[in-house]
Amino acid sequence: MDQVREMREKKNSGQVLLIAAFIMALLLLSVELYIFDVGKIMCEVESNSLNDFVLAVELGSRHVVVGSLANVSNGGSNSVLAWNLQNWSSLIDKQYQFGKSVLNYTLEETDPYSSGIWIDWGTNGFGVSSAYVNFTYKLLGREVNLNQSYFINVTTTILIESTYRQIQGDEKEINVTINLLNEGNPALARQITIYYNDQQGNWLVPDETSNNYTISDYGNSTYLASFVASIPGQDVEVSAHVVDQREIYVQANATSTEI
């Protein structure tokens, strides 16, 4: 499948999303830090403002993990996650000037994760792009003493099934059903590209003109792609390449079943 993977390089997309992730994280943090500091000046530091501040740190961490996974899944190095988290952690440590703010993180190493990343684009109809990070946030000062742990797991999964019907000669009508999930919940795709193997060493993209290609969106994370192609023999291999709304890329291959 390396040939198919080489057909699309979207590192730039991942890099742009990383910048957006950092901007969003900083905006969240800046707003809550301002609210929290105003509360300190007024001597009215309430638990709600503190909770909102910590929530902004968590949401910012999530944006960084999502942006990092988008970069890695689009061809970036696995080390991108650690590098971005280090920068995010350093940024958090410098934000609070009335005490000590420390954000620590640990990349998940439990199988199937390695350095916080799990990429598995299989040939059995299953594909996953995932990142898993554990965090500990400490905020210490005259009015606060906080030690909170949380984890962030960002996972994009696709499940595909394919069937085909013999029309005439080598010509076949092929259907590919794609289910997309974010953290196990139904999700919508930003882009879906279908490939098929012509059994001559080429992975081809069906088009509307020569292959009568259509794709239907059922609005519930399920998509149905249909096309006609001339493929010799009984082995019909297909591949679905999907980008979700978070720009996270995932792919999976499957062998079609004759009906």
C-alpha atoms as a PDB file:
ATOM      1  CA  MET A   1       0.000   0.000   0.000  1.00  0.00           C
ATOM      2  CA  ASP A   2       3.027   2.299   0.067  1.00  0.00           C
ATOM      3  CA  GLN A   3       2.273   3.253  -3.537  1.00  0.00           C
ATOM      4  CA  VAL A   4      -1.181   4.449  -2.533  1.00  0.00           C
ATOM      5  CA  ARG A   5       0.147   6.338   0.485  1.00  0.00           C
ATOM      6  CA  GLU A   6       2.606   8.154  -1.728  1.00  0.00           C
ATOM      7  CA  MET A   7      -0.240   9.440  -3.863  1.00  0.00           C
ATOM      8  CA  ARG A   8      -1.146  11.990  -1.214  1.00  0.00           C
ATOM      9  CA  GLU A   9       1.183  14.137   0.871  1.00  0.00           C
ATOM     10  CA  LYS A  10      -0.568  16.653   3.116  1.00  0.00           C
ATOM     11  CA  LYS A  11       2.113  17.746   5.533  1.00  0.00           C
ATOM     12  CA  ASN A  12       1.246  21.381   4.873  1.00  0.00           C
ATOM     13  CA  SER A  13      -2.324  20.754   5.972  1.00  0.00           C
ATOM     14  CA  GLY A  14      -1.117  19.299   9.246  1.00  0.00           C
ATOM     15  CA  GLN A  15       1.279  22.199   9.818  1.00  0.00           C
ATOM     16  CA  VAL A  16      -1.463  24.777   9.235  1.00  0.00           C
ATOM     17  CA  LEU A  17      -3.732  22.999  11.699  1.00  0.00           C
ATOM     18  CA  LEU A  18      -0.928  22.944  14.268  1.00  0.00           C
ATOM     19  CA  ILE A  19      -0.614  26.730  14.045  1.00  0.00           C
ATOM     20  CA  ALA A  20      -4.382  27.051  14.388  1.00  0.00           C
ATOM     21  CA  ALA A  21      -4.331  24.689  17.373  1.00  0.00           C
ATOM     22  CA  PHE A  22      -1.737  26.781  19.192  1.00  0.00           C
ATOM     23  CA  ILE A  23      -3.626  30.011  18.440  1.00  0.00           C
ATOM     24  CA  MET A  24      -6.889  28.522  19.715  1.00  0.00           C
ATOM     25  CA  ALA A  25      -5.189  27.143  22.814  1.00  0.00           C
ATOM     26  CA  LEU A  26      -3.576  30.511  23.558  1.00  0.00           C
ATOM     27  CA  LEU A  27      -6.859  32.382  23.116  1.00  0.00           C
ATOM     28  CA  LEU A  28      -8.635  30.045  25.528  1.00  0.00           C
ATOM     29  CA  LEU A  29      -5.856  30.343  28.064  1.00  0.00           C
ATOM     30  CA  SER A  30      -5.516  34.139  27.754  1.00  0.00           C
ATOM     31  CA  VAL A  31      -9.218  34.742  28.353  1.00  0.00           C
ATOM     32  CA  GLU A  32      -9.381  32.500  31.411  1.00  0.00           C
ATOM     33  CA  LEU A  33      -6.094  33.847  32.778  1.00  0.00           C
ATOM     34  CA  TYR A  34      -7.465  37.391  32.534  1.00  0.00           C
ATOM     35  CA  ILE A  35     -10.664  36.394  34.348  1.00  0.00           C
ATOM     36  CA  PHE A  36      -8.675  34.589  37.000  1.00  0.00           C
ATOM     37  CA  ASP A  37      -6.243  37.504  37.542  1.00  0.00           C
ATOM     38  CA  VAL A  38      -9.100  40.013  37.790  1.00  0.00           C
ATOM     39  CA  GLY A  39     -10.595  37.796  40.457  1.00  0.00           C
ATOM     40  CA  LYS A  40      -7.296  37.875  42.344  1.00  0.00           C
ATOM     41  CA  ILE A  41      -7.104  41.655  42.200  1.00  0.00           C
ATOM     42  CA  MET A  42     -10.632  41.895  43.556  1.00  0.00           C
ATOM     43  CA  CYS A  43      -9.826  39.261  46.208  1.00  0.00           C
ATOM     44  CA  GLU A  44     -12.722  37.195  44.947  1.00  0.00           C
ATOM     45  CA  VAL A  45     -11.009  34.065  43.664  1.00  0.00           C
ATOM     46  CA  GLU A  46     -13.885  31.659  43.362  1.00  0.00           C
ATOM     47  CA  SER A  47     -13.805  27.986  42.518  1.00  0.00           C
ATOM     48  CA  ASN A  48     -15.698  28.608  39.277  1.00  0.00           C
ATOM     49  CA  SER A  49     -13.052  30.934  37.843  1.00  0.00           C
ATOM     50  CA  LEU A  50     -10.306  28.518  38.913  1.00  0.00           C
ATOM     51  CA  ASN A  51     -12.139  25.593  37.327  1.00  0.00           C
ATOM     52  CA  ASP A  52     -12.591  27.567  34.126  1.00  0.00           C
ATOM     53  CA  PHE A  53      -8.881  28.378  34.066  1.00  0.00           C
ATOM     54  CA  VAL A  54      -7.940  24.701  34.459  1.00  0.00           C
ATOM     55  CA  LEU A  55     -10.499  23.754  31.819  1.00  0.00           C
ATOM     56  CA  ALA A  56      -8.836  26.211  29.415  1.00  0.00           C
ATOM     57  CA  VAL A  57      -5.515  24.442  30.029  1.00  0.00           C
ATOM     58  CA  GLU A  58      -7.153  21.077  29.283  1.00  0.00           C
ATOM     59  CA  LEU A  59      -8.881  22.344  26.144  1.00  0.00           C
ATOM     60  CA  GLY A  60      -5.651  23.914  24.958  1.00  0.00           C
ATOM     61  CA  SER A  61      -3.851  20.611  25.540  1.00  0.00           C
ATOM     62  CA  ARG A  62      -6.501  18.851  23.481  1.00  0.00           C
ATOM     63  CA  HIS A  63      -6.078  21.299  20.592  1.00  0.00           C
ATOM     64  CA  VAL A  64      -2.333  20.625  20.610  1.00  0.00           C
ATOM     65  CA  VAL A  65      -2.832  16.834  20.594  1.00  0.00           C
ATOM     66  CA  VAL A  66      -5.395  17.038  17.772  1.00  0.00           C
ATOM     67  CA  GLY A  67      -3.138  19.281  15.685  1.00  0.00           C
ATOM     68  CA  SER A  68      -0.145  17.010  16.306  1.00  0.00           C
ATOM     69  CA  LEU A  69      -2.056  13.885  15.266  1.00  0.00           C
ATOM     70  CA  ALA A  70      -3.265  15.645  12.124  1.00  0.00           C
ATOM     71  CA  ASN A  71       0.356  16.413  11.280  1.00  0.00           C
ATOM     72  CA  VAL A  72       1.616  12.876  12.009  1.00  0.00           C
ATOM     73  CA  SER A  73      -1.224  11.158  10.141  1.00  0.00           C
ATOM     74  CA  ASN A  74      -0.564  13.335   7.100  1.00  0.00           C
ATOM     75  CA  GLY A  75       3.058  12.238   6.859  1.00  0.00           C
ATOM     76  CA  GLY A  76       4.784  14.074   9.702  1.00  0.00           C
ATOM     77  CA  SER A  77       7.224  12.485  12.134  1.00  0.00           C
ATOM     78  CA  ASN A  78       5.919  10.798  15.299  1.00  0.00           C
ATOM     79  CA  SER A  79       8.250  13.103  17.248  1.00  0.00           C
ATOM     80  CA  VAL A  80       5.981  16.054  16.349  1.00  0.00           C
ATOM     81  CA  LEU A  81       3.673  15.184  19.252  1.00  0.00           C
ATOM     82  CA  ALA A  82       6.441  15.317  21.882  1.00  0.00           C
ATOM     83  CA  TRP A  83       7.926  18.489  20.387  1.00  0.00           C
ATOM     84  CA  ASN A  84       4.609  20.327  20.361  1.00  0.00           C
ATOM     85  CA  LEU A  85       3.736  19.212  23.887  1.00  0.00           C
ATOM     86  CA  GLN A  86       7.101  20.391  25.150  1.00  0.00           C
ATOM     87  CA  ASN A  87       6.455  23.821  23.692  1.00  0.00           C
ATOM     88  CA  TRP A  88       2.915  23.881  25.045  1.00  0.00           C
ATOM     89  CA  SER A  89       4.115  22.836  28.499  1.00  0.00           C
ATOM     90  CA  SER A  90       6.796  25.550  28.495  1.00  0.00           C
ATOM     91  CA  LEU A  91       4.203  28.107  27.474  1.00  0.00           C
ATOM     92  CA  ILE A  92       1.859  27.103  30.320  1.00  0.00           C
ATOM     93  CA  ASP A  93       4.708  27.271  32.840  1.00  0.00           C
ATOM     94  CA  LYS A  94       5.285  30.945  31.913  1.00  0.00           C
ATOM     95  CA  GLN A  95       1.670  32.112  31.900  1.00  0.00           C
ATOM     96  CA  TYR A  96       0.908  32.424  35.617  1.00  0.00           C
ATOM     97  CA  GLN A  97       2.946  35.133  37.376  1.00  0.00           C
ATOM     98  CA  PHE A  98       1.373  34.971  40.853  1.00  0.00           C
ATOM     99  CA  GLY A  99       2.749  31.558  41.724  1.00  0.00           C
ATOM    100  CA  LYS A 100       3.948  28.342  40.141  1.00  0.00           C
ATOM    101  CA  SER A 101       2.255  26.787  37.095  1.00  0.00           C
ATOM    102  CA  VAL A 102       3.579  23.422  35.938  1.00  0.00           C
ATOM    103  CA  LEU A 103       2.162  21.215  33.182  1.00  0.00           C
ATOM    104  CA  ASN A 104       3.736  17.756  32.890  1.00  0.00           C
ATOM    105  CA  TYR A 105       2.845  15.150  30.287  1.00  0.00           C
ATOM    106  CA  THR A 106       3.572  11.485  29.609  1.00  0.00           C
ATOM    107  CA  LEU A 107       3.213   9.924  26.178  1.00  0.00           C
ATOM    108  CA  GLU A 108       1.368   6.610  26.249  1.00  0.00           C
ATOM    109  CA  GLU A 109       3.669   3.626  25.714  1.00  0.00           C
ATOM    110  CA  THR A 110       1.251   0.778  26.374  1.00  0.00           C
ATOM    111  CA  ASP A 111       0.785  -1.402  23.293  1.00  0.00           C
ATOM    112  CA  PRO A 112      -0.368  -0.510  20.637  1.00  0.00           C
ATOM    113  CA  TYR A 113       0.901   3.027  21.379  1.00  0.00           C
ATOM    114  CA  SER A 114       4.476   4.130  20.864  1.00  0.00           C
ATOM    115  CA  SER A 115       5.542   7.654  21.862  1.00  0.00           C
ATOM    116  CA  GLY A 116       1.843   8.441  22.286  1.00  0.00           C
ATOM    117  CA  ILE A 117       0.944   7.513  18.690  1.00  0.00           C
ATOM    118  CA  TRP A 118      -0.947   4.533  17.255  1.00  0.00           C
ATOM    119  CA  ILE A 119      -1.225   4.335  13.472  1.00  0.00           C
ATOM    120  CA  ASP A 120      -2.689   1.128  12.031  1.00  0.00           C
ATOM    121  CA  TRP A 121      -3.905   1.209   8.448  1.00  0.00           C
ATOM    122  CA  GLY A 122      -4.745  -2.424   7.812  1.00  0.00           C
ATOM    123  CA  THR A 123      -5.880  -4.585   4.919  1.00  0.00           C
ATOM    124  CA  ASN A 124      -8.804  -6.075   6.844  1.00  0.00           C
ATOM    125  CA  GLY A 125     -11.164  -3.117   6.560  1.00  0.00           C
ATOM    126  CA  PHE A 126      -9.918  -1.409   9.734  1.00  0.00           C
ATOM    127  CA  GLY A 127      -7.870   1.759  10.014  1.00  0.00           C
ATOM    128  CA  VAL A 128      -7.000   3.939  13.007  1.00  0.00           C
ATOM    129  CA  SER A 129      -4.998   7.102  13.704  1.00  0.00           C
ATOM    130  CA  SER A 130      -4.733   7.822  17.412  1.00  0.00           C
ATOM    131  CA  ALA A 131      -2.827   9.832  20.026  1.00  0.00           C
ATOM    132  CA  TYR A 132      -2.871   9.284  23.806  1.00  0.00           C
ATOM    133  CA  VAL A 133      -1.266  11.571  26.396  1.00  0.00           C
ATOM    134  CA  ASN A 134      -1.483  11.733  30.203  1.00  0.00           C
ATOM    135  CA  PHE A 135      -1.207  15.161  31.879  1.00  0.00           C
ATOM    136  CA  THR A 136      -0.629  16.489  35.371  1.00  0.00           C
ATOM    137  CA  TYR A 137      -1.226  20.184  36.036  1.00  0.00           C
ATOM    138  CA  LYS A 138      -0.065  21.956  39.188  1.00  0.00           C
ATOM    139  CA  LEU A 139      -1.014  25.511  40.097  1.00  0.00           C
ATOM    140  CA  LEU A 140       0.502  26.815  43.319  1.00  0.00           C
ATOM    141  CA  GLY A 141       0.149  30.267  44.853  1.00  0.00           C
ATOM    142  CA  ARG A 142      -0.984  32.192  47.899  1.00  0.00           C
ATOM    143  CA  GLU A 143      -4.653  31.612  47.172  1.00  0.00           C
ATOM    144  CA  VAL A 144      -4.535  28.307  45.293  1.00  0.00           C
ATOM    145  CA  ASN A 145      -3.029  24.864  45.630  1.00  0.00           C
ATOM    146  CA  LEU A 146      -4.135  22.689  42.754  1.00  0.00           C
ATOM    147  CA  ASN A 147      -2.881  19.316  41.519  1.00  0.00           C
ATOM    148  CA  GLN A 148      -5.018  17.813  38.762  1.00  0.00           C
ATOM    149  CA  SER A 149      -4.492  14.859  36.423  1.00  0.00           C
ATOM    150  CA  TYR A 150      -6.247  14.225  33.136  1.00  0.00           C
ATOM    151  CA  PHE A 151      -5.704  12.336  29.882  1.00  0.00           C
ATOM    152  CA  ILE A 152      -6.447  13.117  26.266  1.00  0.00           C
ATOM    153  CA  ASN A 153      -7.184  10.392  23.744  1.00  0.00           C
ATOM    154  CA  VAL A 154      -7.852  11.488  20.170  1.00  0.00           C
ATOM    155  CA  THR A 155      -8.802   8.624  17.851  1.00  0.00           C
ATOM    156  CA  THR A 156     -10.083   8.586  14.288  1.00  0.00           C
ATOM    157  CA  THR A 157     -11.235   5.177  13.050  1.00  0.00           C
ATOM    158  CA  ILE A 158     -12.668   3.887   9.790  1.00  0.00           C
ATOM    159  CA  LEU A 159     -14.361   0.586   9.109  1.00  0.00           C
ATOM    160  CA  ILE A 160     -14.924  -0.384   5.490  1.00  0.00           C
ATOM    161  CA  GLU A 161     -16.712  -3.243   3.762  1.00  0.00           C
ATOM    162  CA  SER A 162     -16.909  -3.896   0.039  1.00  0.00           C
ATOM    163  CA  THR A 163     -18.972  -6.044  -2.294  1.00  0.00           C
ATOM    164  CA  TYR A 164     -18.983  -6.433  -6.050  1.00  0.00           C
ATOM    165  CA  ARG A 165     -21.255  -7.810  -8.754  1.00  0.00           C
ATOM    166  CA  GLN A 166     -19.992  -9.242 -12.025  1.00  0.00           C
ATOM    167  CA  ILE A 167     -21.507  -7.371 -14.964  1.00  0.00           C
ATOM    168  CA  GLN A 168     -19.853  -8.702 -18.108  1.00  0.00           C
ATOM    169  CA  GLY A 169     -16.367 -10.032 -18.750  1.00  0.00           C
ATOM    170  CA  ASP A 170     -13.980  -8.303 -16.342  1.00  0.00           C
ATOM    171  CA  GLU A 171     -16.365  -5.438 -15.715  1.00  0.00           C
ATOM    172  CA  LYS A 172     -17.636  -5.258 -12.140  1.00  0.00           C
ATOM    173  CA  GLU A 173     -19.941  -3.024 -10.132  1.00  0.00           C
ATOM    174  CA  ILE A 174     -18.282  -2.291  -6.791  1.00  0.00           C
ATOM    175  CA  ASN A 175     -19.770  -0.875  -3.595  1.00  0.00           C
ATOM    176  CA  VAL A 176     -17.656   0.360  -0.673  1.00  0.00           C
ATOM    177  CA  THR A 177     -19.280   1.197   2.670  1.00  0.00           C
ATOM    178  CA  ILE A 178     -17.275   3.477   4.972  1.00  0.00           C
ATOM    179  CA  ASN A 179     -18.004   4.152   8.641  1.00  0.00           C
ATOM    180  CA  LEU A 180     -16.091   6.988  10.320  1.00  0.00           C
ATOM    181  CA  LEU A 181     -15.703   7.371  14.081  1.00  0.00           C
ATOM    182  CA  ASN A 182     -14.120   9.975  16.370  1.00  0.00           C
ATOM    183  CA  GLU A 183     -13.370   8.555  19.827  1.00  0.00           C
ATOM    184  CA  GLY A 184     -15.812   5.753  19.051  1.00  0.00           C
ATOM    185  CA  ASN A 185     -18.649   8.123  18.127  1.00  0.00           C
ATOM    186  CA  PRO A 186     -20.146   8.792  14.677  1.00  0.00           C
ATOM    187  CA  ALA A 187     -18.220  11.500  12.810  1.00  0.00           C
ATOM    188  CA  LEU A 188     -18.388  13.353   9.519  1.00  0.00           C
ATOM    189  CA  ALA A 189     -15.697  13.271   6.851  1.00  0.00           C
ATOM    190  CA  ARG A 190     -14.111  16.286   5.222  1.00  0.00           C
ATOM    191  CA  GLN A 191     -12.741  14.228   2.319  1.00  0.00           C
ATOM    192  CA  ILE A 192     -13.038  10.634   1.095  1.00  0.00           C
ATOM    193  CA  THR A 193     -10.981   9.179  -1.738  1.00  0.00           C
ATOM    194  CA  ILE A 194     -11.536   5.635  -2.990  1.00  0.00           C
ATOM    195  CA  TYR A 195      -8.894   3.561  -4.797  1.00  0.00           C
ATOM    196  CA  TYR A 196      -9.092   0.171  -6.477  1.00  0.00           C
ATOM    197  CA  ASN A 197      -6.356  -2.218  -7.572  1.00  0.00           C
ATOM    198  CA  ASP A 198      -6.453  -2.986 -11.302  1.00  0.00           C
ATOM    199  CA  GLN A 199      -4.410  -6.164 -10.650  1.00  0.00           C
ATOM    200  CA  GLN A 200      -1.615  -4.767 -12.807  1.00  0.00           C
ATOM    201  CA  GLY A 201       0.244  -3.062  -9.987  1.00  0.00           C
ATOM    202  CA  ASN A 202      -1.751   0.176 -10.126  1.00  0.00           C
ATOM    203  CA  TRP A 203      -4.061   1.783  -7.600  1.00  0.00           C
ATOM    204  CA  LEU A 204      -6.580   3.902  -9.480  1.00  0.00           C
ATOM    205  CA  VAL A 205      -9.140   6.488  -8.421  1.00  0.00           C
ATOM    206  CA  PRO A 206     -12.571   5.920  -9.998  1.00  0.00           C
ATOM    207  CA  ASP A 207     -14.164   8.966 -11.617  1.00  0.00           C
ATOM    208  CA  GLU A 208     -17.696   9.981 -12.482  1.00  0.00           C
ATOM    209  CA  THR A 209     -17.189   9.802 -16.250  1.00  0.00           C
ATOM    210  CA  SER A 210     -15.448   6.511 -16.967  1.00  0.00           C
ATOM    211  CA  ASN A 211     -16.436   4.640 -13.798  1.00  0.00           C
ATOM    212  CA  ASN A 212     -19.890   6.053 -13.006  1.00  0.00           C
ATOM    213  CA  TYR A 213     -18.514   6.922  -9.566  1.00  0.00           C
ATOM    214  CA  THR A 214     -20.952   8.162  -6.925  1.00  0.00           C
ATOM    215  CA  ILE A 215     -20.710   8.615  -3.177  1.00  0.00           C
ATOM    216  CA  SER A 216     -23.650   8.935  -0.815  1.00  0.00           C
ATOM    217  CA  ASP A 217     -23.538  10.541   2.618  1.00  0.00           C
ATOM    218  CA  TYR A 218     -26.140   9.094   4.977  1.00  0.00           C
ATOM    219  CA  GLY A 219     -25.488  11.825   7.544  1.00  0.00           C
ATOM    220  CA  ASN A 220     -24.744   9.367  10.355  1.00  0.00           C
ATOM    221  CA  SER A 221     -21.012   8.694   9.747  1.00  0.00           C
ATOM    222  CA  THR A 222     -21.837   6.130   7.025  1.00  0.00           C
ATOM    223  CA  TYR A 223     -20.880   6.655   3.383  1.00  0.00           C
ATOM    224  CA  LEU A 224     -21.478   4.470   0.342  1.00  0.00           C
ATOM    225  CA  ALA A 225     -19.181   4.723  -2.701  1.00  0.00           C
ATOM    226  CA  SER A 226     -20.202   2.947  -5.901  1.00  0.00           C
ATOM    227  CA  PHE A 227     -18.415   2.589  -9.225  1.00  0.00           C
ATOM    228  CA  VAL A 228     -17.826   0.325 -12.203  1.00  0.00           C
ATOM    229  CA  ALA A 229     -14.354  -0.912 -13.129  1.00  0.00           C
ATOM    230  CA  SER A 230     -12.697  -3.512 -15.325  1.00  0.00           C
ATOM    231  CA  ILE A 231     -10.713  -5.793 -12.998  1.00  0.00           C
ATOM    232  CA  PRO A 232      -9.562  -9.255 -14.104  1.00  0.00           C
ATOM    233  CA  GLY A 233     -10.020 -12.228 -11.798  1.00  0.00           C
ATOM    234  CA  GLN A 234     -11.958 -12.581  -8.581  1.00  0.00           C
ATOM    235  CA  ASP A 235      -9.727 -10.539  -6.252  1.00  0.00           C
ATOM    236  CA  VAL A 236     -11.113  -7.025  -6.002  1.00  0.00           C
ATOM    237  CA  GLU A 237      -9.072  -4.873  -3.635  1.00  0.00           C
ATOM    238  CA  VAL A 238     -10.222  -1.416  -2.581  1.00  0.00           C
ATOM    239  CA  SER A 239      -8.823   1.287  -0.332  1.00  0.00           C
ATOM    240  CA  ALA A 240     -10.553   4.199   1.424  1.00  0.00           C
ATOM    241  CA  HIS A 241      -8.540   7.313   2.342  1.00  0.00           C
ATOM    242  CA  VAL A 242     -10.440   9.589   4.707  1.00  0.00           C
ATOM    243  CA  VAL A 243      -9.819  12.986   6.295  1.00  0.00           C
ATOM    244  CA  ASP A 244     -12.139  13.860   9.170  1.00  0.00           C
ATOM    245  CA  GLN A 245     -13.345  17.334  10.151  1.00  0.00           C
ATOM    246  CA  ARG A 246     -10.265  17.738  12.363  1.00  0.00           C
ATOM    247  CA  GLU A 247      -7.939  17.135   9.371  1.00  0.00           C
ATOM    248  CA  ILE A 248      -6.848  13.778  10.813  1.00  0.00           C
ATOM    249  CA  TYR A 249      -6.075  11.298   8.045  1.00  0.00           C
ATOM    250  CA  VAL A 250      -6.785   7.562   8.147  1.00  0.00           C
ATOM    251  CA  GLN A 251      -6.965   4.801   5.555  1.00  0.00           C
ATOM    252  CA  ALA A 252      -7.910   1.129   5.280  1.00  0.00           C
ATOM    253  CA  ASN A 253      -7.930  -1.584   2.640  1.00  0.00           C
ATOM    254  CA  ALA A 254     -10.439  -4.369   2.095  1.00  0.00           C
ATOM    255  CA  THR A 255     -11.054  -7.231  -0.311  1.00  0.00           C
ATOM    256  CA  SER A 256     -14.493  -7.152  -1.921  1.00  0.00           C
ATOM    257  CA  THR A 257     -16.928 -10.036  -1.579  1.00  0.00           C
ATOM    258  CA  GLU A 258     -18.828 -11.163  -4.653  1.00  0.00           C
ATOM    259  CA  ILE A 259     -22.603 -11.061  -4.379  1.00  0.00           C
END
